[in-house]
Amino acid sequence: MFKRISVLTALIMCASPAHGAPQLGSKPAKEWIKSMERPERLAKLKIDEVMARLELKPGDRVADIGAGSGVFSWPLAQAVAPGGTLYAVEVDQGFLDFIREGAQKRGADNVQPVLGEFADPKLPVRNLDLAFFHNVLHHIEGRQAYLETLSGYMKPNSRIVIIDLIDGHKEPEMKMGLDQVKEWMAAIGYRLTGEYSIFEDRFFTVFSRQAAP
């Protein structure tokens, strides 16, 4: 198992040397997009129900971390318009090209694609209202370190939303649990302020950081 993981890591690092530490479970953007855009998958995401619980408002600045094909980027961008910005963050330029094309077709001029790194989202602002992870955190190798770096881009009274697999991923290197997530979030000053049971196989959590009095 260690050898198999090492080989996977080496391959990913060779493919993306500029991004530093590898992304777990990586594969070409075209393969991911084809899988992400399947109608049967989209139907299971409960996008409207998720969006209703985020309580976004016009003018908010939001980062869709690991935006993929932009499935959540579009409703997020719509929710913060007018005046707000949706930063679609990905480490693969192939996703960003797809999102940019989609934004042009939809007339979504408040969507800004961002080429991040495996250890840093490389966002162009440091006053985000909300960061959104959907089925992404388990793909990040240095999860706690990534969250700590992300916190530097957030407003003092910001929120981080994490939706991920309840029982972890089948691959050992991608396994993680909600208790771990809570510990990582507490370490960067965020407390659990919302937990929604709308999925059978995923937890849906909202963490908030309060501004100093």
N, C-alpha and C. Protein backbone atom coordinates (compact mmCIF):
# COMPACT_ATOMS: atom_id res chain seq x y z
N MET A 1 0.83 -1.21 0.00
CA MET A 1 0.00 0.00 0.00
C MET A 1 0.86 1.25 0.00
N PHE A 2 1.91 1.27 0.82
CA PHE A 2 2.78 2.43 0.87
C PHE A 2 3.43 2.68 -0.47
N LYS A 3 3.84 1.60 -1.13
CA LYS A 3 4.48 1.76 -2.43
C LYS A 3 3.49 2.31 -3.44
N ARG A 4 2.25 1.82 -3.42
CA ARG A 4 1.24 2.28 -4.37
C ARG A 4 0.96 3.76 -4.17
N ILE A 5 0.84 4.17 -2.91
CA ILE A 5 0.59 5.58 -2.62
C ILE A 5 1.78 6.43 -3.07
N SER A 6 2.99 5.93 -2.84
CA SER A 6 4.17 6.67 -3.22
C SER A 6 4.25 6.87 -4.72
N VAL A 7 3.89 5.82 -5.47
CA VAL A 7 3.90 5.92 -6.92
C VAL A 7 2.87 6.94 -7.39
N LEU A 8 1.67 6.90 -6.79
CA LEU A 8 0.62 7.86 -7.14
C LEU A 8 1.09 9.28 -6.86
N THR A 9 1.70 9.47 -5.70
CA THR A 9 2.19 10.78 -5.34
C THR A 9 3.24 11.27 -6.32
N ALA A 10 4.16 10.38 -6.69
CA ALA A 10 5.23 10.76 -7.61
C ALA A 10 4.67 11.17 -8.96
N LEU A 11 3.68 10.43 -9.43
CA LEU A 11 3.09 10.73 -10.73
C LEU A 11 2.41 12.09 -10.73
N ILE A 12 1.66 12.37 -9.65
CA ILE A 12 0.96 13.65 -9.56
C ILE A 12 1.94 14.80 -9.46
N MET A 13 3.00 14.62 -8.70
CA MET A 13 3.98 15.67 -8.53
C MET A 13 4.71 15.94 -9.83
N CYS A 14 4.99 14.89 -10.59
CA CYS A 14 5.66 15.08 -11.87
C CYS A 14 4.76 15.82 -12.85
N ALA A 15 3.47 15.53 -12.76
CA ALA A 15 2.53 16.17 -13.68
C ALA A 15 2.32 17.63 -13.34
N SER A 16 2.44 18.00 -12.06
CA SER A 16 2.19 19.38 -11.63
C SER A 16 3.30 19.86 -10.71
N PRO A 17 4.53 19.96 -11.18
CA PRO A 17 5.65 20.31 -10.31
C PRO A 17 5.55 21.69 -9.69
N ALA A 18 4.83 22.59 -10.33
CA ALA A 18 4.78 23.95 -9.81
C ALA A 18 3.88 24.07 -8.60
N HIS A 19 3.07 23.08 -8.35
CA HIS A 19 2.07 23.22 -7.30
C HIS A 19 2.50 22.61 -5.98
N GLY A 20 3.68 22.06 -5.89
CA GLY A 20 4.15 21.55 -4.61
C GLY A 20 3.53 20.23 -4.24
N ALA A 21 3.00 20.14 -3.00
CA ALA A 21 2.45 18.89 -2.49
C ALA A 21 1.31 18.41 -3.37
N PRO A 22 1.14 17.08 -3.49
CA PRO A 22 0.16 16.53 -4.41
C PRO A 22 -1.28 16.65 -3.92
N GLN A 23 -2.19 16.56 -4.87
CA GLN A 23 -3.60 16.45 -4.56
C GLN A 23 -3.95 14.98 -4.64
N LEU A 24 -4.60 14.46 -3.62
CA LEU A 24 -4.91 13.03 -3.57
C LEU A 24 -6.05 12.69 -4.52
N GLY A 25 -5.92 11.53 -5.16
CA GLY A 25 -6.98 11.07 -6.04
C GLY A 25 -7.11 11.91 -7.29
N SER A 26 -6.00 12.44 -7.78
CA SER A 26 -6.05 13.32 -8.93
C SER A 26 -6.21 12.54 -10.23
N LYS A 27 -6.88 13.18 -11.21
CA LYS A 27 -6.96 12.66 -12.57
C LYS A 27 -7.23 13.84 -13.49
N PRO A 28 -7.09 13.67 -14.80
CA PRO A 28 -7.24 14.80 -15.72
C PRO A 28 -8.59 15.50 -15.59
N ALA A 29 -8.59 16.82 -15.80
CA ALA A 29 -9.81 17.62 -15.66
C ALA A 29 -10.92 17.11 -16.57
N LYS A 30 -10.59 16.72 -17.80
CA LYS A 30 -11.62 16.26 -18.73
C LYS A 30 -12.38 15.07 -18.18
N GLU A 31 -11.67 14.16 -17.50
CA GLU A 31 -12.33 12.98 -16.91
C GLU A 31 -13.24 13.40 -15.76
N TRP A 32 -12.74 14.30 -14.92
CA TRP A 32 -13.55 14.78 -13.79
C TRP A 32 -14.80 15.49 -14.29
N ILE A 33 -14.64 16.36 -15.28
CA ILE A 33 -15.77 17.15 -15.78
C ILE A 33 -16.87 16.24 -16.32
N LYS A 34 -16.48 15.24 -17.08
CA LYS A 34 -17.45 14.31 -17.64
C LYS A 34 -18.24 13.63 -16.52
N SER A 35 -17.54 13.26 -15.45
CA SER A 35 -18.19 12.60 -14.31
C SER A 35 -19.06 13.58 -13.52
N MET A 36 -18.55 14.79 -13.32
CA MET A 36 -19.27 15.78 -12.51
C MET A 36 -20.56 16.28 -13.15
N GLU A 37 -20.57 16.30 -14.46
CA GLU A 37 -21.71 16.87 -15.17
C GLU A 37 -22.81 15.85 -15.48
N ARG A 38 -22.67 14.62 -15.00
CA ARG A 38 -23.71 13.62 -15.24
C ARG A 38 -25.02 14.03 -14.58
N PRO A 39 -26.13 13.99 -15.31
CA PRO A 39 -27.43 14.40 -14.76
C PRO A 39 -27.80 13.66 -13.48
N GLU A 40 -27.49 12.37 -13.41
CA GLU A 40 -27.85 11.60 -12.22
C GLU A 40 -27.05 12.07 -11.00
N ARG A 41 -25.81 12.52 -11.21
CA ARG A 41 -25.02 13.06 -10.10
C ARG A 41 -25.57 14.41 -9.67
N LEU A 42 -25.86 15.26 -10.63
CA LEU A 42 -26.37 16.60 -10.31
C LEU A 42 -27.66 16.53 -9.50
N ALA A 43 -28.49 15.55 -9.81
CA ALA A 43 -29.76 15.41 -9.10
C ALA A 43 -29.56 15.07 -7.63
N LYS A 44 -28.44 14.43 -7.29
CA LYS A 44 -28.18 14.03 -5.92
C LYS A 44 -27.52 15.12 -5.07
N LEU A 45 -27.10 16.21 -5.71
CA LEU A 45 -26.36 17.25 -4.99
C LEU A 45 -27.25 18.16 -4.16
N LYS A 46 -28.55 18.17 -4.44
CA LYS A 46 -29.51 18.98 -3.69
C LYS A 46 -29.05 20.44 -3.62
N ILE A 47 -28.70 20.95 -4.77
CA ILE A 47 -28.11 22.29 -4.85
C ILE A 47 -29.02 23.35 -4.25
N ASP A 48 -30.29 23.32 -4.58
CA ASP A 48 -31.22 24.33 -4.05
C ASP A 48 -31.30 24.28 -2.53
N GLU A 49 -31.31 23.05 -1.99
CA GLU A 49 -31.40 22.91 -0.53
C GLU A 49 -30.13 23.41 0.15
N VAL A 50 -28.99 23.13 -0.47
CA VAL A 50 -27.72 23.61 0.08
C VAL A 50 -27.70 25.14 0.07
N MET A 51 -28.05 25.71 -1.08
CA MET A 51 -27.99 27.17 -1.22
C MET A 51 -28.92 27.86 -0.23
N ALA A 52 -30.07 27.29 0.03
CA ALA A 52 -31.03 27.91 0.95
C ALA A 52 -30.44 28.03 2.35
N ARG A 53 -29.55 27.13 2.72
CA ARG A 53 -28.98 27.13 4.07
C ARG A 53 -27.73 28.00 4.19
N LEU A 54 -27.19 28.44 3.08
CA LEU A 54 -25.98 29.27 3.14
C LEU A 54 -26.29 30.73 3.47
N GLU A 55 -27.51 31.17 3.18
CA GLU A 55 -27.95 32.52 3.52
C GLU A 55 -26.97 33.59 3.02
N LEU A 56 -26.58 33.46 1.76
CA LEU A 56 -25.71 34.46 1.15
C LEU A 56 -26.53 35.68 0.76
N LYS A 57 -25.84 36.80 0.60
CA LYS A 57 -26.53 38.03 0.22
C LYS A 57 -25.72 38.77 -0.84
N PRO A 58 -26.38 39.63 -1.61
CA PRO A 58 -25.66 40.42 -2.61
C PRO A 58 -24.50 41.19 -1.99
N GLY A 59 -23.37 41.16 -2.68
CA GLY A 59 -22.19 41.86 -2.18
C GLY A 59 -21.19 40.96 -1.48
N ASP A 60 -21.59 39.75 -1.11
CA ASP A 60 -20.68 38.83 -0.44
C ASP A 60 -19.56 38.38 -1.38
N ARG A 61 -18.42 38.07 -0.79
CA ARG A 61 -17.30 37.50 -1.53
C ARG A 61 -17.13 36.06 -1.08
N VAL A 62 -17.20 35.15 -2.04
CA VAL A 62 -17.22 33.71 -1.74
C VAL A 62 -16.17 32.99 -2.56
N ALA A 63 -15.50 32.01 -1.95
CA ALA A 63 -14.56 31.15 -2.66
C ALA A 63 -15.13 29.74 -2.73
N ASP A 64 -15.25 29.23 -3.95
CA ASP A 64 -15.64 27.84 -4.17
C ASP A 64 -14.34 27.06 -4.33
N ILE A 65 -13.91 26.42 -3.23
CA ILE A 65 -12.62 25.74 -3.20
C ILE A 65 -12.75 24.36 -3.86
N GLY A 66 -11.93 24.12 -4.87
CA GLY A 66 -12.06 22.88 -5.63
C GLY A 66 -13.35 22.92 -6.45
N ALA A 67 -13.51 23.99 -7.21
CA ALA A 67 -14.78 24.25 -7.89
C ALA A 67 -15.13 23.21 -8.95
N GLY A 68 -14.14 22.47 -9.43
CA GLY A 68 -14.42 21.45 -10.43
C GLY A 68 -14.99 22.04 -11.70
N SER A 69 -16.13 21.53 -12.13
CA SER A 69 -16.76 22.01 -13.36
C SER A 69 -17.64 23.23 -13.12
N GLY A 70 -17.73 23.69 -11.87
CA GLY A 70 -18.51 24.88 -11.56
C GLY A 70 -19.95 24.60 -11.18
N VAL A 71 -20.25 23.36 -10.82
CA VAL A 71 -21.62 22.98 -10.47
C VAL A 71 -22.20 23.90 -9.40
N PHE A 72 -21.43 24.17 -8.35
CA PHE A 72 -21.89 25.07 -7.29
C PHE A 72 -21.48 26.52 -7.55
N SER A 73 -20.51 26.73 -8.41
CA SER A 73 -20.05 28.10 -8.67
C SER A 73 -21.17 28.96 -9.22
N TRP A 74 -21.98 28.41 -10.10
CA TRP A 74 -23.04 29.21 -10.73
C TRP A 74 -24.10 29.68 -9.74
N PRO A 75 -24.68 28.81 -8.93
CA PRO A 75 -25.66 29.30 -7.95
C PRO A 75 -25.02 30.20 -6.89
N LEU A 76 -23.78 29.94 -6.53
CA LEU A 76 -23.09 30.80 -5.56
C LEU A 76 -22.92 32.20 -6.14
N ALA A 77 -22.51 32.27 -7.41
CA ALA A 77 -22.32 33.57 -8.06
C ALA A 77 -23.64 34.32 -8.16
N GLN A 78 -24.69 33.60 -8.47
CA GLN A 78 -26.01 34.23 -8.59
C GLN A 78 -26.48 34.77 -7.24
N ALA A 79 -26.17 34.04 -6.17
CA ALA A 79 -26.63 34.44 -4.83
C ALA A 79 -25.96 35.71 -4.33
N VAL A 80 -24.72 35.99 -4.78
CA VAL A 80 -24.00 37.16 -4.27
C VAL A 80 -24.09 38.36 -5.22
N ALA A 81 -24.78 38.19 -6.34
CA ALA A 81 -24.97 39.29 -7.28
C ALA A 81 -26.20 40.11 -6.87
N PRO A 82 -26.19 41.41 -7.14
CA PRO A 82 -25.08 42.19 -7.70
C PRO A 82 -24.10 42.62 -6.62
N GLY A 83 -22.91 42.94 -7.07
CA GLY A 83 -21.91 43.51 -6.16
C GLY A 83 -20.97 42.51 -5.54
N GLY A 84 -21.32 41.21 -5.55
CA GLY A 84 -20.46 40.21 -4.96
C GLY A 84 -19.63 39.48 -5.99
N THR A 85 -18.66 38.72 -5.51
CA THR A 85 -17.76 37.98 -6.40
C THR A 85 -17.65 36.53 -5.96
N LEU A 86 -17.66 35.63 -6.92
CA LEU A 86 -17.42 34.21 -6.68
C LEU A 86 -16.05 33.86 -7.24
N TYR A 87 -15.16 33.42 -6.38
CA TYR A 87 -13.82 32.99 -6.80
C TYR A 87 -13.84 31.47 -6.95
N ALA A 88 -13.72 31.00 -8.18
CA ALA A 88 -13.71 29.56 -8.45
C ALA A 88 -12.27 29.08 -8.43
N VAL A 89 -11.90 28.37 -7.38
CA VAL A 89 -10.50 27.98 -7.16
C VAL A 89 -10.26 26.54 -7.60
N GLU A 90 -9.25 26.35 -8.42
CA GLU A 90 -8.84 25.01 -8.85
C GLU A 90 -7.33 24.97 -9.05
N VAL A 91 -6.76 23.76 -8.99
CA VAL A 91 -5.33 23.59 -9.22
C VAL A 91 -5.03 23.12 -10.63
N ASP A 92 -6.07 22.83 -11.40
CA ASP A 92 -5.92 22.35 -12.77
C ASP A 92 -6.51 23.40 -13.72
N GLN A 93 -5.68 23.91 -14.61
CA GLN A 93 -6.13 24.95 -15.53
C GLN A 93 -7.29 24.48 -16.41
N GLY A 94 -7.37 23.17 -16.64
CA GLY A 94 -8.46 22.63 -17.45
C GLY A 94 -9.83 22.94 -16.87
N PHE A 95 -9.97 22.86 -15.55
CA PHE A 95 -11.22 23.23 -14.89
C PHE A 95 -11.52 24.72 -15.08
N LEU A 96 -10.49 25.53 -14.90
CA LEU A 96 -10.69 26.98 -14.98
C LEU A 96 -11.09 27.41 -16.39
N ASP A 97 -10.52 26.77 -17.40
CA ASP A 97 -10.92 27.07 -18.78
C ASP A 97 -12.39 26.74 -19.00
N PHE A 98 -12.82 25.59 -18.44
CA PHE A 98 -14.22 25.17 -18.56
C PHE A 98 -15.14 26.15 -17.85
N ILE A 99 -14.73 26.58 -16.66
CA ILE A 99 -15.53 27.53 -15.88
C ILE A 99 -15.59 28.88 -16.58
N ARG A 100 -14.47 29.32 -17.12
CA ARG A 100 -14.45 30.62 -17.82
C ARG A 100 -15.40 30.59 -19.02
N GLU A 101 -15.39 29.51 -19.76
CA GLU A 101 -16.31 29.37 -20.90
C GLU A 101 -17.76 29.37 -20.42
N GLY A 102 -18.01 28.65 -19.33
CA GLY A 102 -19.36 28.60 -18.78
C GLY A 102 -19.84 29.95 -18.30
N ALA A 103 -18.94 30.72 -17.70
CA ALA A 103 -19.30 32.06 -17.21
C ALA A 103 -19.67 32.97 -18.38
N GLN A 104 -18.92 32.86 -19.47
CA GLN A 104 -19.21 33.68 -20.64
C GLN A 104 -20.57 33.33 -21.24
N LYS A 105 -20.87 32.05 -21.30
CA LYS A 105 -22.16 31.60 -21.85
C LYS A 105 -23.32 32.06 -20.99
N ARG A 106 -23.11 32.07 -19.67
CA ARG A 106 -24.17 32.43 -18.74
C ARG A 106 -24.24 33.93 -18.46
N GLY A 107 -23.26 34.66 -18.93
CA GLY A 107 -23.21 36.08 -18.61
C GLY A 107 -22.90 36.33 -17.15
N ALA A 108 -22.21 35.39 -16.52
CA ALA A 108 -21.86 35.50 -15.09
C ALA A 108 -20.55 36.27 -14.96
N ASP A 109 -20.65 37.59 -15.00
CA ASP A 109 -19.43 38.41 -14.99
C ASP A 109 -18.84 38.58 -13.59
N ASN A 110 -19.46 37.99 -12.58
CA ASN A 110 -18.90 38.07 -11.23
C ASN A 110 -18.20 36.78 -10.81
N VAL A 111 -17.90 35.92 -11.79
CA VAL A 111 -17.16 34.70 -11.52
C VAL A 111 -15.70 34.92 -11.91
N GLN A 112 -14.80 34.74 -10.96
CA GLN A 112 -13.38 34.92 -11.22
C GLN A 112 -12.63 33.61 -11.01
N PRO A 113 -12.16 32.97 -12.07
CA PRO A 113 -11.38 31.74 -11.92
C PRO A 113 -10.03 32.05 -11.27
N VAL A 114 -9.60 31.17 -10.35
CA VAL A 114 -8.34 31.37 -9.63
C VAL A 114 -7.53 30.08 -9.67
N LEU A 115 -6.32 30.17 -10.18
CA LEU A 115 -5.43 29.01 -10.20
C LEU A 115 -4.72 28.93 -8.86
N GLY A 116 -5.14 28.00 -8.04
CA GLY A 116 -4.55 27.83 -6.72
C GLY A 116 -3.41 26.82 -6.73
N GLU A 117 -2.87 26.59 -5.57
CA GLU A 117 -1.84 25.58 -5.38
C GLU A 117 -2.36 24.54 -4.40
N PHE A 118 -1.68 23.41 -4.32
CA PHE A 118 -2.15 22.33 -3.46
C PHE A 118 -2.14 22.72 -1.98
N ALA A 119 -1.29 23.67 -1.61
CA ALA A 119 -1.20 24.07 -0.20
C ALA A 119 -1.74 25.47 0.05
N ASP A 120 -2.23 26.15 -1.01
CA ASP A 120 -2.62 27.54 -0.87
C ASP A 120 -3.61 27.89 -1.99
N PRO A 121 -4.80 28.41 -1.66
CA PRO A 121 -5.75 28.74 -2.72
C PRO A 121 -5.33 29.94 -3.56
N LYS A 122 -4.36 30.71 -3.11
CA LYS A 122 -3.82 31.83 -3.87
C LYS A 122 -4.91 32.84 -4.27
N LEU A 123 -5.80 33.12 -3.36
CA LEU A 123 -6.88 34.06 -3.64
C LEU A 123 -6.35 35.49 -3.75
N PRO A 124 -6.97 36.31 -4.60
CA PRO A 124 -6.48 37.67 -4.80
C PRO A 124 -6.98 38.67 -3.75
N VAL A 125 -7.81 38.22 -2.82
CA VAL A 125 -8.34 39.10 -1.77
C VAL A 125 -8.19 38.43 -0.41
N ARG A 126 -8.32 39.24 0.64
CA ARG A 126 -8.22 38.71 2.01
C ARG A 126 -9.40 39.18 2.86
N ASN A 127 -10.55 39.25 2.22
CA ASN A 127 -11.75 39.65 2.96
C ASN A 127 -12.95 38.81 2.52
N LEU A 128 -12.76 37.51 2.45
CA LEU A 128 -13.84 36.60 2.05
C LEU A 128 -14.89 36.49 3.15
N ASP A 129 -16.14 36.45 2.73
CA ASP A 129 -17.24 36.22 3.67
C ASP A 129 -17.46 34.73 3.90
N LEU A 130 -17.22 33.92 2.86
CA LEU A 130 -17.49 32.49 2.98
C LEU A 130 -16.59 31.70 2.05
N ALA A 131 -16.11 30.57 2.54
CA ALA A 131 -15.38 29.60 1.72
C ALA A 131 -16.19 28.31 1.71
N PHE A 132 -16.30 27.71 0.54
CA PHE A 132 -17.19 26.57 0.34
C PHE A 132 -16.41 25.37 -0.18
N PHE A 133 -16.51 24.25 0.55
CA PHE A 133 -15.90 22.98 0.13
C PHE A 133 -17.01 21.96 -0.09
N HIS A 134 -17.13 21.42 -1.29
CA HIS A 134 -18.07 20.32 -1.50
C HIS A 134 -17.30 19.10 -2.00
N ASN A 135 -17.22 18.08 -1.13
CA ASN A 135 -16.57 16.83 -1.48
C ASN A 135 -15.14 17.06 -1.98
N VAL A 136 -14.45 17.98 -1.34
CA VAL A 136 -13.12 18.39 -1.79
C VAL A 136 -12.04 18.18 -0.73
N LEU A 137 -12.38 18.43 0.54
CA LEU A 137 -11.35 18.46 1.58
C LEU A 137 -10.57 17.15 1.66
N HIS A 138 -11.23 16.02 1.43
CA HIS A 138 -10.52 14.74 1.55
C HIS A 138 -9.49 14.54 0.43
N HIS A 139 -9.56 15.35 -0.62
CA HIS A 139 -8.57 15.27 -1.70
C HIS A 139 -7.29 16.04 -1.37
N ILE A 140 -7.34 16.87 -0.32
CA ILE A 140 -6.19 17.68 0.04
C ILE A 140 -5.32 16.90 1.02
N GLU A 141 -4.05 16.80 0.73
CA GLU A 141 -3.17 16.00 1.58
C GLU A 141 -2.94 16.68 2.94
N GLY A 142 -2.47 17.93 2.92
CA GLY A 142 -2.22 18.65 4.18
C GLY A 142 -3.44 19.45 4.58
N ARG A 143 -4.49 18.78 5.04
CA ARG A 143 -5.79 19.44 5.25
C ARG A 143 -5.74 20.53 6.32
N GLN A 144 -5.17 20.21 7.46
CA GLN A 144 -5.15 21.20 8.54
C GLN A 144 -4.32 22.42 8.14
N ALA A 145 -3.19 22.19 7.50
CA ALA A 145 -2.34 23.30 7.07
C ALA A 145 -3.05 24.14 6.00
N TYR A 146 -3.79 23.49 5.11
CA TYR A 146 -4.52 24.21 4.07
C TYR A 146 -5.59 25.11 4.70
N LEU A 147 -6.32 24.56 5.65
CA LEU A 147 -7.35 25.34 6.32
C LEU A 147 -6.75 26.53 7.06
N GLU A 148 -5.60 26.34 7.65
CA GLU A 148 -4.95 27.44 8.35
C GLU A 148 -4.55 28.53 7.37
N THR A 149 -4.01 28.13 6.21
CA THR A 149 -3.65 29.10 5.18
C THR A 149 -4.89 29.82 4.67
N LEU A 150 -5.96 29.07 4.44
CA LEU A 150 -7.21 29.65 3.96
C LEU A 150 -7.74 30.70 4.93
N SER A 151 -7.59 30.47 6.22
CA SER A 151 -8.12 31.40 7.22
C SER A 151 -7.53 32.80 7.07
N GLY A 152 -6.34 32.89 6.50
CA GLY A 152 -5.71 34.18 6.29
C GLY A 152 -6.38 35.01 5.21
N TYR A 153 -7.24 34.39 4.42
CA TYR A 153 -7.97 35.10 3.36
C TYR A 153 -9.39 35.48 3.81
N MET A 154 -9.76 35.10 5.03
CA MET A 154 -11.14 35.26 5.48
C MET A 154 -11.33 36.50 6.35
N LYS A 155 -12.54 37.06 6.31
CA LYS A 155 -12.90 38.16 7.19
C LYS A 155 -12.94 37.67 8.64
N PRO A 156 -12.84 38.58 9.60
CA PRO A 156 -12.92 38.17 11.01
C PRO A 156 -14.24 37.47 11.35
N ASN A 157 -15.33 37.86 10.71
CA ASN A 157 -16.63 37.25 11.01
C ASN A 157 -17.12 36.36 9.86
N SER A 158 -16.19 35.62 9.29
CA SER A 158 -16.49 34.81 8.10
C SER A 158 -16.97 33.41 8.47
N ARG A 159 -17.38 32.68 7.41
CA ARG A 159 -17.83 31.30 7.58
C ARG A 159 -17.11 30.37 6.59
N ILE A 160 -16.92 29.14 7.01
CA ILE A 160 -16.38 28.10 6.14
C ILE A 160 -17.36 26.93 6.13
N VAL A 161 -17.80 26.55 4.95
CA VAL A 161 -18.77 25.46 4.79
C VAL A 161 -18.05 24.23 4.26
N ILE A 162 -18.23 23.11 4.94
CA ILE A 162 -17.59 21.87 4.52
C ILE A 162 -18.64 20.77 4.39
N ILE A 163 -18.77 20.25 3.18
CA ILE A 163 -19.63 19.10 2.89
C ILE A 163 -18.72 17.98 2.43
N ASP A 164 -18.77 16.84 3.11
CA ASP A 164 -17.89 15.74 2.74
C ASP A 164 -18.46 14.42 3.22
N LEU A 165 -17.80 13.35 2.86
CA LEU A 165 -18.29 12.00 3.14
C LEU A 165 -18.30 11.69 4.63
N ILE A 166 -19.40 11.16 5.12
CA ILE A 166 -19.54 10.82 6.53
C ILE A 166 -18.56 9.74 6.95
N ASP A 167 -18.48 8.68 6.18
CA ASP A 167 -17.64 7.54 6.54
C ASP A 167 -16.27 7.60 5.91
N GLY A 168 -15.91 8.74 5.37
CA GLY A 168 -14.60 8.87 4.77
C GLY A 168 -14.55 8.22 3.40
N HIS A 169 -13.41 8.32 2.78
CA HIS A 169 -13.21 7.77 1.44
C HIS A 169 -12.69 6.34 1.53
N LYS A 170 -12.92 5.56 0.49
CA LYS A 170 -12.46 4.17 0.50
C LYS A 170 -10.95 4.07 0.47
N GLU A 171 -10.27 5.08 -0.09
CA GLU A 171 -8.80 5.09 -0.11
C GLU A 171 -8.28 5.56 1.25
N PRO A 172 -7.40 4.78 1.89
CA PRO A 172 -6.93 5.13 3.24
C PRO A 172 -6.35 6.53 3.35
N GLU A 173 -5.60 6.95 2.34
CA GLU A 173 -4.96 8.27 2.43
C GLU A 173 -5.96 9.41 2.33
N MET A 174 -7.18 9.11 1.92
CA MET A 174 -8.19 10.16 1.81
C MET A 174 -9.25 10.08 2.90
N LYS A 175 -9.08 9.19 3.85
CA LYS A 175 -10.05 9.06 4.93
C LYS A 175 -9.93 10.22 5.92
N MET A 176 -11.06 10.69 6.38
CA MET A 176 -11.11 11.70 7.44
C MET A 176 -12.52 11.67 8.02
N GLY A 177 -12.66 12.18 9.23
CA GLY A 177 -13.96 12.17 9.88
C GLY A 177 -14.37 13.55 10.33
N LEU A 178 -15.63 13.70 10.67
CA LEU A 178 -16.15 14.99 11.11
C LEU A 178 -15.46 15.48 12.38
N ASP A 179 -15.15 14.55 13.30
CA ASP A 179 -14.47 14.95 14.54
C ASP A 179 -13.13 15.60 14.22
N GLN A 180 -12.41 15.04 13.23
CA GLN A 180 -11.14 15.64 12.83
C GLN A 180 -11.35 17.04 12.27
N VAL A 181 -12.36 17.17 11.44
CA VAL A 181 -12.66 18.47 10.84
C VAL A 181 -12.95 19.50 11.92
N LYS A 182 -13.73 19.12 12.91
CA LYS A 182 -14.05 20.05 14.01
C LYS A 182 -12.77 20.48 14.75
N GLU A 183 -11.86 19.55 14.96
CA GLU A 183 -10.60 19.87 15.63
C GLU A 183 -9.77 20.84 14.80
N TRP A 184 -9.68 20.58 13.50
CA TRP A 184 -8.92 21.46 12.62
C TRP A 184 -9.52 22.86 12.59
N MET A 185 -10.84 22.92 12.55
CA MET A 185 -11.50 24.22 12.49
C MET A 185 -11.35 24.98 13.81
N ALA A 186 -11.45 24.28 14.91
CA ALA A 186 -11.28 24.93 16.22
C ALA A 186 -9.87 25.51 16.34
N ALA A 187 -8.90 24.82 15.78
CA ALA A 187 -7.51 25.27 15.86
C ALA A 187 -7.28 26.59 15.12
N ILE A 188 -8.14 26.91 14.16
CA ILE A 188 -7.99 28.18 13.43
C ILE A 188 -9.07 29.19 13.83
N GLY A 189 -9.76 28.89 14.93
CA GLY A 189 -10.68 29.85 15.50
C GLY A 189 -12.11 29.81 14.98
N TYR A 190 -12.52 28.69 14.40
CA TYR A 190 -13.88 28.55 13.88
C TYR A 190 -14.65 27.53 14.71
N ARG A 191 -15.90 27.86 15.01
CA ARG A 191 -16.74 26.93 15.77
C ARG A 191 -17.92 26.48 14.92
N LEU A 192 -18.42 25.30 15.20
CA LEU A 192 -19.55 24.75 14.46
C LEU A 192 -20.81 25.53 14.80
N THR A 193 -21.43 26.14 13.79
CA THR A 193 -22.66 26.92 14.02
C THR A 193 -23.84 26.40 13.21
N GLY A 194 -23.58 25.40 12.37
CA GLY A 194 -24.67 24.82 11.59
C GLY A 194 -24.33 23.42 11.13
N GLU A 195 -25.29 22.51 11.26
CA GLU A 195 -25.09 21.13 10.79
C GLU A 195 -26.44 20.64 10.25
N TYR A 196 -26.45 20.24 9.00
CA TYR A 196 -27.70 19.91 8.32
C TYR A 196 -27.67 18.47 7.80
N SER A 197 -28.75 17.75 8.06
CA SER A 197 -28.85 16.34 7.66
C SER A 197 -29.70 16.20 6.41
N ILE A 198 -29.21 16.72 5.31
CA ILE A 198 -29.97 16.60 4.07
C ILE A 198 -29.40 15.52 3.14
N PHE A 199 -28.21 15.00 3.51
CA PHE A 199 -27.59 13.94 2.74
C PHE A 199 -27.48 12.67 3.59
N GLU A 200 -27.57 11.53 2.95
CA GLU A 200 -27.42 10.27 3.67
C GLU A 200 -25.94 9.90 3.85
N ASP A 201 -25.12 10.29 2.91
CA ASP A 201 -23.72 9.84 2.92
C ASP A 201 -22.72 10.94 3.20
N ARG A 202 -23.18 12.17 3.42
CA ARG A 202 -22.27 13.30 3.62
C ARG A 202 -22.72 14.17 4.79
N PHE A 203 -21.74 14.74 5.49
CA PHE A 203 -22.08 15.74 6.50
C PHE A 203 -22.04 17.12 5.83
N PHE A 204 -22.87 18.00 6.33
CA PHE A 204 -23.00 19.36 5.81
C PHE A 204 -22.86 20.29 7.00
N THR A 205 -21.70 20.93 7.11
CA THR A 205 -21.40 21.72 8.31
C THR A 205 -21.03 23.15 7.95
N VAL A 206 -21.37 24.06 8.86
CA VAL A 206 -21.02 25.47 8.72
C VAL A 206 -20.23 25.88 9.95
N PHE A 207 -19.06 26.44 9.74
CA PHE A 207 -18.19 26.90 10.83
C PHE A 207 -18.06 28.41 10.74
N SER A 208 -18.13 29.08 11.89
CA SER A 208 -18.09 30.55 11.90
C SER A 208 -16.96 31.06 12.80
N ARG A 209 -16.42 32.19 12.39
CA ARG A 209 -15.39 32.87 13.21
C ARG A 209 -15.94 34.23 13.57
N GLN A 210 -15.95 34.54 14.82
CA GLN A 210 -16.52 35.80 15.29
C GLN A 210 -15.44 36.87 15.38
N ALA A 211 -15.81 38.07 14.94
CA ALA A 211 -14.87 39.19 15.05
C ALA A 211 -14.61 39.54 16.51
N ALA A 212 -13.40 40.00 16.78
CA ALA A 212 -13.06 40.38 18.16
C ALA A 212 -13.89 41.61 18.56
N PRO A 213 -14.37 41.66 19.82
CA PRO A 213 -15.18 42.80 20.28
C PRO A 213 -14.37 44.08 20.32
